[in-house]
């Protein structure tokens, strides 16, 4: 696909994007920007985005993708509860992961990858089971670390994003690819900002 064909497809996608899709994207962007700011409102906005996305996925009969969204929904509710509790306790600061937490995140990615790959390879008509499984499993680990308010969540999410971008171009979804590119940049900024938060707290404690 040359640039003119890609740009024409991009224009068509924008023209045919429903209000629900725009809202899902808008709330998804808001979620990441709020996460970058270490703001608990990332969870209610994220939940709205997930619910709207699930409606869209159901309409186009992407049932497996909808089931994956249920995981994101559960993790969002779980994360919201944890962040709210820590705010009340005055412990709402971000931190680096412990070795045990990193091990759990890697296990989530690894086990999730093999399960998803097996299901996609043997029970769906997916033509990219390897990449699709990788994108989802690393995002799973990133969401778990985000709920724990661990700075490494940005690393796992961006490992997912960097593979998702060419995958979305391959699937001729340029609008979603551009959105994911935006999320990739925001995740880098989020990592930098959370690192500053940790640094300032360590200076106060020194």
N, C-alpha and C. Protein backbone atom coordinates (compact mmCIF):
# COMPACT_ATOMS: atom_id res chain seq x y z
N UNK A 1 0.85 -1.20 0.00
CA UNK A 1 0.00 0.00 0.00
C UNK A 1 0.89 1.25 0.00
N UNK A 2 0.71 2.10 -1.04
CA UNK A 2 1.50 3.32 -1.08
C UNK A 2 0.87 4.41 -0.22
N UNK A 3 1.55 5.56 -0.12
CA UNK A 3 1.08 6.61 0.79
C UNK A 3 -0.29 7.15 0.38
N UNK A 4 -0.52 7.31 -0.93
CA UNK A 4 -1.82 7.85 -1.39
C UNK A 4 -2.96 6.93 -1.01
N UNK A 5 -2.77 5.62 -1.18
CA UNK A 5 -3.80 4.65 -0.81
C UNK A 5 -4.04 4.67 0.70
N UNK A 6 -2.95 4.74 1.45
CA UNK A 6 -3.05 4.79 2.92
C UNK A 6 -3.81 6.03 3.36
N UNK A 7 -3.48 7.19 2.76
CA UNK A 7 -4.12 8.45 3.15
C UNK A 7 -5.60 8.43 2.77
N UNK A 8 -5.93 7.84 1.62
CA UNK A 8 -7.33 7.72 1.20
C UNK A 8 -8.10 6.84 2.18
N UNK A 9 -7.49 5.75 2.60
CA UNK A 9 -8.12 4.86 3.57
C UNK A 9 -8.31 5.58 4.90
N UNK A 10 -7.30 6.37 5.30
CA UNK A 10 -7.38 7.14 6.54
C UNK A 10 -8.54 8.13 6.49
N UNK A 11 -8.71 8.84 5.35
CA UNK A 11 -9.82 9.78 5.19
C UNK A 11 -11.16 9.07 5.26
N UNK A 12 -11.24 7.92 4.61
CA UNK A 12 -12.50 7.16 4.61
C UNK A 12 -12.86 6.72 6.02
N UNK A 13 -11.84 6.29 6.76
CA UNK A 13 -12.09 5.85 8.14
C UNK A 13 -12.64 6.99 8.99
N UNK A 14 -12.04 8.17 8.86
CA UNK A 14 -12.49 9.32 9.64
C UNK A 14 -13.92 9.69 9.28
N UNK A 15 -14.23 9.69 7.97
CA UNK A 15 -15.57 10.06 7.51
C UNK A 15 -16.63 9.06 7.96
N UNK A 16 -16.23 7.79 8.11
CA UNK A 16 -17.20 6.76 8.48
C UNK A 16 -17.13 6.35 9.95
N UNK A 17 -16.38 7.11 10.73
CA UNK A 17 -16.28 6.81 12.16
C UNK A 17 -17.53 7.29 12.89
N UNK A 18 -18.15 6.38 13.65
CA UNK A 18 -19.39 6.73 14.36
C UNK A 18 -19.08 7.56 15.60
N UNK A 19 -20.13 8.18 16.13
CA UNK A 19 -19.99 8.99 17.35
C UNK A 19 -19.49 8.12 18.51
N UNK A 20 -19.99 6.89 18.57
CA UNK A 20 -19.59 5.99 19.65
C UNK A 20 -18.09 5.69 19.55
N UNK A 21 -17.59 5.49 18.32
CA UNK A 21 -16.16 5.24 18.14
C UNK A 21 -15.33 6.44 18.58
N UNK A 22 -15.77 7.65 18.19
CA UNK A 22 -15.06 8.87 18.59
C UNK A 22 -15.04 9.00 20.11
N UNK A 23 -16.18 8.70 20.74
CA UNK A 23 -16.25 8.78 22.21
C UNK A 23 -15.32 7.76 22.85
N UNK A 24 -15.30 6.54 22.30
CA UNK A 24 -14.43 5.50 22.84
C UNK A 24 -12.97 5.92 22.74
N UNK A 25 -12.58 6.48 21.59
CA UNK A 25 -11.22 6.95 21.39
C UNK A 25 -10.92 8.13 22.31
N UNK A 26 -11.87 9.07 22.41
CA UNK A 26 -11.69 10.26 23.24
C UNK A 26 -11.49 9.92 24.70
N UNK A 27 -12.33 9.02 25.22
CA UNK A 27 -12.17 8.61 26.62
C UNK A 27 -10.90 7.79 26.82
N UNK A 28 -10.50 7.01 25.79
CA UNK A 28 -9.26 6.25 25.88
C UNK A 28 -8.05 7.15 25.96
N UNK A 29 -8.04 8.21 25.15
CA UNK A 29 -6.95 9.19 25.19
C UNK A 29 -6.93 9.90 26.55
N UNK A 30 -8.12 10.27 27.03
CA UNK A 30 -8.21 10.94 28.34
C UNK A 30 -7.66 10.05 29.45
N UNK A 31 -7.94 8.76 29.36
CA UNK A 31 -7.45 7.81 30.37
C UNK A 31 -5.93 7.84 30.45
N UNK A 32 -5.27 7.78 29.29
CA UNK A 32 -3.80 7.75 29.28
C UNK A 32 -3.21 9.07 29.76
N UNK A 33 -3.81 10.19 29.35
CA UNK A 33 -3.32 11.50 29.80
C UNK A 33 -3.48 11.66 31.31
N UNK A 34 -4.59 11.16 31.86
CA UNK A 34 -4.82 11.22 33.30
C UNK A 34 -3.85 10.30 34.05
N UNK A 35 -3.54 9.13 33.44
CA UNK A 35 -2.57 8.22 34.04
C UNK A 35 -1.21 8.88 34.10
N UNK A 36 -0.87 9.60 33.03
CA UNK A 36 0.41 10.33 32.99
C UNK A 36 0.49 11.32 34.14
N UNK A 37 -0.65 11.95 34.47
CA UNK A 37 -0.70 12.94 35.55
C UNK A 37 -0.88 12.30 36.93
N UNK A 38 -0.89 10.94 36.96
CA UNK A 38 -1.07 10.23 38.23
C UNK A 38 -2.40 10.61 38.88
N UNK A 39 -3.44 10.71 38.04
CA UNK A 39 -4.76 11.15 38.49
C UNK A 39 -5.73 9.97 38.50
N UNK A 40 -6.41 9.77 39.63
CA UNK A 40 -7.32 8.62 39.81
C UNK A 40 -8.47 8.61 38.81
N UNK A 41 -8.79 9.79 38.21
CA UNK A 41 -9.89 9.86 37.24
C UNK A 41 -9.59 9.09 35.96
N UNK A 42 -8.36 8.57 35.83
CA UNK A 42 -8.05 7.74 34.67
C UNK A 42 -8.96 6.51 34.63
N UNK A 43 -9.37 6.02 35.81
CA UNK A 43 -10.16 4.78 35.84
C UNK A 43 -11.61 4.96 35.38
N UNK A 44 -12.36 5.95 35.89
CA UNK A 44 -13.72 6.11 35.36
C UNK A 44 -13.75 6.42 33.86
N UNK A 45 -12.80 7.24 33.39
CA UNK A 45 -12.77 7.53 31.95
C UNK A 45 -12.40 6.27 31.16
N UNK A 46 -11.46 5.49 31.70
CA UNK A 46 -11.07 4.24 31.04
C UNK A 46 -12.21 3.24 30.99
N UNK A 47 -12.98 3.15 32.06
CA UNK A 47 -14.11 2.22 32.11
C UNK A 47 -15.15 2.58 31.05
N UNK A 48 -15.41 3.88 30.90
CA UNK A 48 -16.36 4.33 29.86
C UNK A 48 -15.84 3.94 28.48
N UNK A 49 -14.54 4.16 28.24
CA UNK A 49 -13.94 3.81 26.95
C UNK A 49 -14.06 2.31 26.67
N UNK A 50 -13.79 1.50 27.68
CA UNK A 50 -13.86 0.04 27.53
C UNK A 50 -15.29 -0.41 27.22
N UNK A 51 -16.27 0.12 27.94
CA UNK A 51 -17.66 -0.25 27.72
C UNK A 51 -18.12 0.11 26.31
N UNK A 52 -17.73 1.30 25.84
CA UNK A 52 -18.08 1.72 24.48
C UNK A 52 -17.38 0.82 23.46
N UNK A 53 -16.13 0.47 23.72
CA UNK A 53 -15.38 -0.40 22.81
C UNK A 53 -16.00 -1.79 22.75
N UNK A 54 -16.46 -2.29 23.90
CA UNK A 54 -17.10 -3.60 23.94
C UNK A 54 -18.38 -3.62 23.10
N UNK A 55 -19.13 -2.54 23.15
CA UNK A 55 -20.34 -2.41 22.33
C UNK A 55 -19.99 -2.47 20.84
N UNK A 56 -18.92 -1.77 20.46
CA UNK A 56 -18.49 -1.75 19.06
C UNK A 56 -17.99 -3.12 18.62
N UNK A 57 -17.21 -3.77 19.47
CA UNK A 57 -16.68 -5.09 19.14
C UNK A 57 -17.79 -6.13 19.00
N UNK A 58 -18.80 -6.03 19.83
CA UNK A 58 -19.93 -6.94 19.76
C UNK A 58 -20.69 -6.75 18.44
N UNK A 59 -20.82 -5.50 18.03
CA UNK A 59 -21.54 -5.19 16.80
C UNK A 59 -20.86 -5.76 15.56
N UNK A 60 -19.52 -5.81 15.59
CA UNK A 60 -18.79 -6.33 14.43
C UNK A 60 -18.38 -7.80 14.63
N UNK A 61 -18.93 -8.42 15.69
CA UNK A 61 -18.76 -9.84 15.96
C UNK A 61 -17.32 -10.25 16.25
N UNK A 62 -16.56 -9.34 16.88
CA UNK A 62 -15.21 -9.67 17.33
C UNK A 62 -15.31 -10.13 18.79
N UNK A 63 -15.84 -11.35 18.96
CA UNK A 63 -16.15 -11.83 20.29
C UNK A 63 -14.91 -12.06 21.16
N UNK A 64 -13.83 -12.56 20.55
CA UNK A 64 -12.60 -12.80 21.32
C UNK A 64 -12.03 -11.48 21.84
N UNK A 65 -12.01 -10.45 20.99
CA UNK A 65 -11.52 -9.14 21.41
C UNK A 65 -12.40 -8.56 22.51
N UNK A 66 -13.71 -8.83 22.44
CA UNK A 66 -14.62 -8.32 23.46
C UNK A 66 -14.32 -8.98 24.81
N UNK A 67 -14.00 -10.28 24.77
CA UNK A 67 -13.66 -10.99 26.01
C UNK A 67 -12.38 -10.42 26.63
N UNK A 68 -11.43 -10.03 25.78
CA UNK A 68 -10.21 -9.41 26.29
C UNK A 68 -10.52 -8.08 26.97
N UNK A 69 -11.50 -7.37 26.43
CA UNK A 69 -11.89 -6.09 27.02
C UNK A 69 -12.47 -6.28 28.42
N UNK A 70 -13.09 -7.45 28.65
CA UNK A 70 -13.64 -7.74 29.98
C UNK A 70 -12.50 -7.75 31.01
N UNK A 71 -11.35 -8.30 30.62
CA UNK A 71 -10.18 -8.29 31.51
C UNK A 71 -9.78 -6.86 31.85
N UNK A 72 -9.71 -6.00 30.83
CA UNK A 72 -9.35 -4.60 31.05
C UNK A 72 -10.37 -3.93 31.98
N UNK A 73 -11.64 -4.29 31.81
CA UNK A 73 -12.69 -3.73 32.66
C UNK A 73 -12.49 -4.14 34.12
N UNK A 74 -12.24 -5.43 34.34
CA UNK A 74 -12.01 -5.94 35.70
C UNK A 74 -10.78 -5.27 36.32
N UNK A 75 -9.69 -5.16 35.54
CA UNK A 75 -8.47 -4.54 36.06
C UNK A 75 -8.66 -3.06 36.34
N UNK A 76 -9.53 -2.41 35.57
CA UNK A 76 -9.80 -0.98 35.79
C UNK A 76 -10.55 -0.79 37.11
N UNK A 77 -11.54 -1.63 37.36
CA UNK A 77 -12.30 -1.56 38.63
C UNK A 77 -11.36 -1.87 39.80
N UNK A 78 -10.53 -2.90 39.62
CA UNK A 78 -9.56 -3.29 40.65
C UNK A 78 -8.57 -2.15 40.93
N UNK A 79 -8.05 -1.55 39.87
CA UNK A 79 -7.11 -0.45 40.02
C UNK A 79 -7.74 0.76 40.68
N UNK A 80 -8.98 1.06 40.31
CA UNK A 80 -9.70 2.20 40.89
C UNK A 80 -9.83 2.02 42.40
N UNK A 81 -10.18 0.79 42.81
CA UNK A 81 -10.34 0.50 44.24
C UNK A 81 -9.02 0.68 44.98
N UNK A 82 -7.93 0.17 44.39
CA UNK A 82 -6.61 0.27 45.03
C UNK A 82 -6.16 1.73 45.14
N UNK A 83 -6.31 2.48 44.04
CA UNK A 83 -5.89 3.88 44.06
C UNK A 83 -6.71 4.69 45.06
N UNK A 84 -8.00 4.40 45.13
CA UNK A 84 -8.86 5.14 46.07
C UNK A 84 -8.45 4.85 47.50
N UNK A 85 -8.16 3.58 47.80
CA UNK A 85 -7.74 3.18 49.13
C UNK A 85 -6.43 3.85 49.51
N UNK A 86 -5.48 3.87 48.58
CA UNK A 86 -4.18 4.46 48.86
C UNK A 86 -4.27 5.97 49.04
N UNK A 87 -5.23 6.59 48.34
CA UNK A 87 -5.41 8.03 48.50
C UNK A 87 -5.88 8.34 49.91
N UNK A 88 -6.82 7.52 50.39
CA UNK A 88 -7.34 7.71 51.75
C UNK A 88 -6.23 7.49 52.77
N UNK A 89 -5.36 6.50 52.50
CA UNK A 89 -4.28 6.18 53.43
C UNK A 89 -3.08 7.10 53.27
N UNK A 90 -3.14 7.98 52.29
CA UNK A 90 -2.03 8.90 52.05
C UNK A 90 -0.83 8.23 51.41
N UNK A 91 -1.05 7.12 50.70
CA UNK A 91 0.05 6.39 50.07
C UNK A 91 -0.11 6.37 48.55
N UNK A 92 -0.59 7.48 48.02
CA UNK A 92 -0.92 7.50 46.59
C UNK A 92 0.27 7.89 45.71
N UNK A 93 1.45 7.53 46.13
CA UNK A 93 2.63 7.82 45.32
C UNK A 93 2.99 6.61 44.47
N UNK A 94 3.53 6.89 43.29
CA UNK A 94 3.98 5.81 42.42
C UNK A 94 5.31 5.28 42.93
N UNK A 95 5.71 4.10 42.45
CA UNK A 95 6.97 3.51 42.91
C UNK A 95 7.49 2.53 41.86
N UNK A 96 8.76 2.15 42.03
CA UNK A 96 9.34 1.11 41.19
C UNK A 96 8.82 -0.24 41.67
N UNK A 97 8.76 -1.19 40.78
CA UNK A 97 8.30 -2.54 41.14
C UNK A 97 9.37 -3.28 41.94
N UNK A 98 8.91 -4.15 42.82
CA UNK A 98 9.83 -5.06 43.49
C UNK A 98 10.16 -6.19 42.51
N UNK A 99 11.17 -6.98 42.83
CA UNK A 99 11.52 -8.12 41.98
C UNK A 99 10.36 -9.09 41.83
N UNK A 100 9.62 -9.28 42.93
CA UNK A 100 8.47 -10.19 42.90
C UNK A 100 7.37 -9.65 41.98
N UNK A 101 7.12 -8.35 42.04
CA UNK A 101 6.10 -7.76 41.18
C UNK A 101 6.49 -7.83 39.71
N UNK A 102 7.77 -7.61 39.43
CA UNK A 102 8.25 -7.74 38.04
C UNK A 102 8.12 -9.17 37.55
N UNK A 103 8.41 -10.12 38.43
CA UNK A 103 8.28 -11.53 38.07
C UNK A 103 6.83 -11.88 37.74
N UNK A 104 5.90 -11.35 38.55
CA UNK A 104 4.47 -11.60 38.30
C UNK A 104 4.06 -10.99 36.95
N UNK A 105 4.54 -9.77 36.67
CA UNK A 105 4.21 -9.11 35.40
C UNK A 105 4.74 -9.92 34.21
N UNK A 106 5.96 -10.44 34.34
CA UNK A 106 6.55 -11.26 33.27
C UNK A 106 5.75 -12.55 33.10
N UNK A 107 5.32 -13.14 34.22
CA UNK A 107 4.50 -14.36 34.16
C UNK A 107 3.15 -14.10 33.49
N UNK A 108 2.55 -12.95 33.82
CA UNK A 108 1.28 -12.57 33.18
C UNK A 108 1.46 -12.49 31.67
N UNK A 109 2.57 -11.84 31.26
CA UNK A 109 2.85 -11.70 29.83
C UNK A 109 3.10 -13.05 29.17
N UNK A 110 3.92 -13.88 29.82
CA UNK A 110 4.32 -15.16 29.22
C UNK A 110 3.18 -16.16 29.15
N UNK A 111 2.52 -16.36 30.29
CA UNK A 111 1.39 -17.31 30.34
C UNK A 111 0.25 -16.80 29.45
N UNK A 112 -0.02 -15.50 29.54
CA UNK A 112 -1.07 -14.91 28.71
C UNK A 112 -0.79 -15.08 27.23
N UNK A 113 0.49 -14.92 26.85
CA UNK A 113 0.88 -15.07 25.45
C UNK A 113 0.58 -16.48 24.94
N UNK A 114 1.01 -17.50 25.69
CA UNK A 114 0.82 -18.88 25.23
C UNK A 114 -0.66 -19.26 25.18
N UNK A 115 -1.43 -18.80 26.16
CA UNK A 115 -2.87 -19.10 26.15
C UNK A 115 -3.55 -18.44 24.95
N UNK A 116 -3.26 -17.15 24.75
CA UNK A 116 -3.88 -16.42 23.64
C UNK A 116 -3.45 -16.98 22.30
N UNK A 117 -2.14 -17.28 22.18
CA UNK A 117 -1.65 -17.82 20.91
C UNK A 117 -2.32 -19.15 20.57
N UNK A 118 -2.46 -20.01 21.58
CA UNK A 118 -3.11 -21.31 21.38
C UNK A 118 -4.55 -21.13 20.92
N UNK A 119 -5.28 -20.22 21.61
CA UNK A 119 -6.69 -20.00 21.27
C UNK A 119 -6.82 -19.39 19.88
N UNK A 120 -6.01 -18.35 19.59
CA UNK A 120 -6.09 -17.68 18.29
C UNK A 120 -5.67 -18.60 17.15
N UNK A 121 -4.65 -19.43 17.40
CA UNK A 121 -4.13 -20.32 16.35
C UNK A 121 -5.09 -21.46 16.05
N UNK A 122 -5.73 -21.99 17.10
CA UNK A 122 -6.52 -23.21 16.93
C UNK A 122 -8.03 -23.00 16.89
N UNK A 123 -8.50 -21.85 17.37
CA UNK A 123 -9.95 -21.68 17.48
C UNK A 123 -10.47 -20.41 16.81
N UNK A 124 -9.62 -19.71 16.07
CA UNK A 124 -10.08 -18.53 15.34
C UNK A 124 -9.47 -18.55 13.93
N UNK A 125 -9.92 -17.61 13.10
CA UNK A 125 -9.37 -17.51 11.75
C UNK A 125 -8.33 -16.39 11.66
N UNK A 126 -7.71 -16.03 12.80
CA UNK A 126 -6.71 -14.97 12.83
C UNK A 126 -5.52 -15.32 11.94
N UNK A 127 -5.06 -14.33 11.15
CA UNK A 127 -3.89 -14.53 10.30
C UNK A 127 -2.63 -14.00 10.96
N UNK A 128 -2.76 -13.43 12.17
CA UNK A 128 -1.59 -12.90 12.90
C UNK A 128 -1.66 -13.32 14.38
N UNK A 129 -1.83 -14.61 14.66
CA UNK A 129 -2.00 -15.04 16.06
C UNK A 129 -0.81 -14.71 16.95
N UNK A 130 0.41 -14.79 16.39
CA UNK A 130 1.62 -14.55 17.17
C UNK A 130 1.67 -13.10 17.66
N UNK A 131 1.54 -12.16 16.72
CA UNK A 131 1.61 -10.74 17.07
C UNK A 131 0.42 -10.30 17.90
N UNK A 132 -0.77 -10.80 17.56
CA UNK A 132 -1.97 -10.43 18.30
C UNK A 132 -1.86 -10.88 19.75
N UNK A 133 -1.37 -12.10 19.95
CA UNK A 133 -1.20 -12.64 21.31
C UNK A 133 -0.17 -11.83 22.09
N UNK A 134 0.92 -11.45 21.42
CA UNK A 134 1.98 -10.68 22.08
C UNK A 134 1.47 -9.31 22.53
N UNK A 135 0.75 -8.60 21.64
CA UNK A 135 0.23 -7.27 21.95
C UNK A 135 -0.69 -7.33 23.17
N UNK A 136 -1.59 -8.30 23.18
CA UNK A 136 -2.57 -8.40 24.27
C UNK A 136 -1.92 -8.80 25.59
N UNK A 137 -1.02 -9.80 25.56
CA UNK A 137 -0.44 -10.31 26.81
C UNK A 137 0.44 -9.29 27.50
N UNK A 138 1.23 -8.52 26.73
CA UNK A 138 2.07 -7.49 27.35
C UNK A 138 1.21 -6.34 27.89
N UNK A 139 0.10 -6.05 27.21
CA UNK A 139 -0.82 -5.02 27.71
C UNK A 139 -1.48 -5.48 29.00
N UNK A 140 -1.78 -6.78 29.11
CA UNK A 140 -2.34 -7.32 30.35
C UNK A 140 -1.42 -7.02 31.53
N UNK A 141 -0.12 -7.31 31.34
CA UNK A 141 0.84 -7.07 32.41
C UNK A 141 0.94 -5.58 32.73
N UNK A 142 0.90 -4.74 31.68
CA UNK A 142 0.95 -3.30 31.89
C UNK A 142 -0.22 -2.79 32.70
N UNK A 143 -1.41 -3.31 32.42
CA UNK A 143 -2.61 -2.89 33.16
C UNK A 143 -2.52 -3.31 34.62
N UNK A 144 -1.95 -4.50 34.89
CA UNK A 144 -1.80 -4.97 36.27
C UNK A 144 -0.83 -4.05 37.03
N UNK A 145 0.28 -3.69 36.39
CA UNK A 145 1.25 -2.80 37.03
C UNK A 145 0.69 -1.39 37.23
N UNK A 146 -0.16 -0.94 36.29
CA UNK A 146 -0.81 0.37 36.44
C UNK A 146 -1.71 0.37 37.66
N UNK A 147 -2.44 -0.72 37.86
CA UNK A 147 -3.32 -0.84 39.04
C UNK A 147 -2.50 -0.77 40.32
N UNK A 148 -1.28 -1.33 40.28
CA UNK A 148 -0.39 -1.31 41.44
C UNK A 148 0.38 0.00 41.56
N UNK A 149 0.19 0.90 40.60
CA UNK A 149 0.87 2.20 40.54
C UNK A 149 2.39 2.03 40.44
N UNK A 150 2.79 1.09 39.60
CA UNK A 150 4.21 0.83 39.39
C UNK A 150 4.65 1.46 38.08
N UNK A 151 5.79 2.14 38.11
CA UNK A 151 6.27 2.90 36.96
C UNK A 151 6.53 2.02 35.73
N UNK A 152 6.85 0.76 35.96
CA UNK A 152 7.15 -0.14 34.84
C UNK A 152 5.94 -0.42 33.96
N UNK A 153 4.75 -0.01 34.42
CA UNK A 153 3.56 -0.23 33.59
C UNK A 153 3.73 0.42 32.23
N UNK A 154 4.41 1.59 32.20
CA UNK A 154 4.61 2.31 30.94
C UNK A 154 5.51 1.51 29.99
N UNK A 155 6.47 0.78 30.55
CA UNK A 155 7.38 -0.03 29.73
C UNK A 155 6.62 -1.17 29.06
N UNK A 156 5.83 -1.89 29.86
CA UNK A 156 5.06 -3.02 29.32
C UNK A 156 4.02 -2.54 28.30
N UNK A 157 3.36 -1.42 28.61
CA UNK A 157 2.35 -0.90 27.68
C UNK A 157 2.99 -0.46 26.36
N UNK A 158 4.20 0.10 26.45
CA UNK A 158 4.86 0.54 25.21
C UNK A 158 5.47 -0.61 24.42
N UNK A 159 5.85 -1.68 25.09
CA UNK A 159 6.27 -2.89 24.37
C UNK A 159 5.09 -3.39 23.55
N UNK A 160 3.91 -3.34 24.16
CA UNK A 160 2.67 -3.72 23.45
C UNK A 160 2.39 -2.76 22.30
N UNK A 161 2.49 -1.46 22.56
CA UNK A 161 2.19 -0.44 21.54
C UNK A 161 3.11 -0.52 20.33
N UNK A 162 4.40 -0.76 20.58
CA UNK A 162 5.36 -0.73 19.48
C UNK A 162 5.14 -1.88 18.49
N UNK A 163 4.54 -2.96 18.96
CA UNK A 163 4.17 -4.06 18.06
C UNK A 163 2.79 -3.82 17.47
N UNK A 164 1.91 -3.19 18.26
CA UNK A 164 0.54 -2.95 17.80
C UNK A 164 0.48 -1.97 16.62
N UNK A 165 1.38 -0.99 16.59
CA UNK A 165 1.35 0.04 15.54
C UNK A 165 1.49 -0.56 14.14
N UNK A 166 2.58 -1.33 13.85
CA UNK A 166 2.65 -1.94 12.51
C UNK A 166 1.56 -2.98 12.26
N UNK A 167 1.12 -3.64 13.33
CA UNK A 167 0.04 -4.63 13.19
C UNK A 167 -1.25 -3.97 12.72
N UNK A 168 -1.56 -2.79 13.27
CA UNK A 168 -2.77 -2.07 12.88
C UNK A 168 -2.66 -1.53 11.45
N UNK A 169 -1.46 -1.10 11.05
CA UNK A 169 -1.25 -0.70 9.66
C UNK A 169 -1.47 -1.89 8.73
N UNK A 170 -0.95 -3.05 9.13
CA UNK A 170 -1.11 -4.28 8.35
C UNK A 170 -2.59 -4.63 8.18
N UNK A 171 -3.37 -4.37 9.23
CA UNK A 171 -4.81 -4.67 9.21
C UNK A 171 -5.62 -3.55 8.55
N UNK A 172 -4.91 -2.56 7.96
CA UNK A 172 -5.54 -1.43 7.27
C UNK A 172 -6.48 -0.65 8.20
N UNK A 173 -5.95 -0.38 9.40
CA UNK A 173 -6.66 0.44 10.39
C UNK A 173 -5.77 1.63 10.74
N UNK A 174 -5.56 2.55 9.80
CA UNK A 174 -4.63 3.67 10.03
C UNK A 174 -5.05 4.59 11.15
N UNK A 175 -6.36 4.77 11.35
CA UNK A 175 -6.83 5.65 12.44
C UNK A 175 -6.41 5.08 13.79
N UNK A 176 -6.60 3.79 13.98
CA UNK A 176 -6.21 3.15 15.23
C UNK A 176 -4.69 3.12 15.38
N UNK A 177 -3.97 2.98 14.26
CA UNK A 177 -2.51 2.99 14.30
C UNK A 177 -1.98 4.35 14.75
N UNK A 178 -2.61 5.42 14.25
CA UNK A 178 -2.20 6.77 14.64
C UNK A 178 -2.52 7.01 16.12
N UNK A 179 -3.67 6.52 16.58
CA UNK A 179 -4.03 6.65 17.99
C UNK A 179 -3.01 5.92 18.86
N UNK A 180 -2.63 4.72 18.46
CA UNK A 180 -1.66 3.93 19.23
C UNK A 180 -0.29 4.61 19.24
N UNK A 181 0.07 5.25 18.12
CA UNK A 181 1.33 6.02 18.07
C UNK A 181 1.29 7.16 19.08
N UNK A 182 0.14 7.84 19.17
CA UNK A 182 -0.05 8.91 20.16
C UNK A 182 0.10 8.35 21.57
N UNK A 183 -0.53 7.19 21.83
CA UNK A 183 -0.45 6.57 23.15
C UNK A 183 0.99 6.16 23.48
N UNK A 184 1.74 5.76 22.46
CA UNK A 184 3.15 5.39 22.64
C UNK A 184 3.95 6.59 23.14
N UNK A 185 3.73 7.75 22.52
CA UNK A 185 4.44 8.98 22.92
C UNK A 185 4.04 9.39 24.34
N UNK A 186 2.72 9.32 24.62
CA UNK A 186 2.23 9.70 25.96
C UNK A 186 2.82 8.78 27.02
N UNK A 187 2.95 7.49 26.70
CA UNK A 187 3.52 6.54 27.66
C UNK A 187 4.97 6.88 27.99
N UNK A 188 5.73 7.34 27.00
CA UNK A 188 7.12 7.77 27.26
C UNK A 188 7.12 8.96 28.21
N UNK A 189 6.24 9.93 27.93
CA UNK A 189 6.14 11.11 28.80
C UNK A 189 5.65 10.72 30.20
N UNK A 190 4.74 9.74 30.24
CA UNK A 190 4.24 9.26 31.53
C UNK A 190 5.34 8.64 32.37
N UNK A 191 6.20 7.85 31.73
CA UNK A 191 7.32 7.24 32.45
C UNK A 191 8.23 8.32 33.02
N UNK A 192 8.54 9.35 32.21
CA UNK A 192 9.41 10.44 32.65
C UNK A 192 8.79 11.19 33.82
N UNK A 193 7.47 11.47 33.72
CA UNK A 193 6.81 12.22 34.78
C UNK A 193 6.71 11.43 36.07
N UNK A 194 6.41 10.13 35.97
CA UNK A 194 6.34 9.30 37.17
C UNK A 194 7.72 9.17 37.81
N UNK A 195 8.77 9.12 36.99
CA UNK A 195 10.13 9.05 37.53
C UNK A 195 10.45 10.31 38.32
N UNK A 196 9.99 11.47 37.83
CA UNK A 196 10.20 12.73 38.55
C UNK A 196 9.46 12.71 39.89
N UNK A 197 8.25 12.15 39.90
CA UNK A 197 7.47 12.06 41.14
C UNK A 197 8.24 11.25 42.18
N UNK A 198 8.78 10.11 41.75
CA UNK A 198 9.55 9.25 42.67
C UNK A 198 10.80 9.99 43.16
N UNK A 199 11.47 10.70 42.24
CA UNK A 199 12.68 11.45 42.60
C UNK A 199 12.40 12.54 43.62
N UNK A 200 11.30 13.29 43.44
CA UNK A 200 10.94 14.35 44.38
C UNK A 200 10.61 13.78 45.74
N UNK A 201 9.93 12.64 45.77
CA UNK A 201 9.58 12.02 47.06
C UNK A 201 10.84 11.55 47.79
N UNK A 202 11.78 10.97 47.02
CA UNK A 202 13.03 10.50 47.64
C UNK A 202 13.84 11.67 48.21
N UNK A 203 13.80 12.83 47.53
CA UNK A 203 14.51 14.02 48.03
C UNK A 203 13.90 14.51 49.34
N UNK A 204 12.55 14.47 49.40
CA UNK A 204 11.88 14.91 50.65
C UNK A 204 12.20 13.99 51.81
N UNK A 205 12.37 12.69 51.48
CA UNK A 205 12.63 11.71 52.54
C UNK A 205 14.09 11.67 52.97
N UNK A 206 14.97 12.24 52.11
CA UNK A 206 16.41 12.19 52.40
C UNK A 206 16.78 13.09 53.56
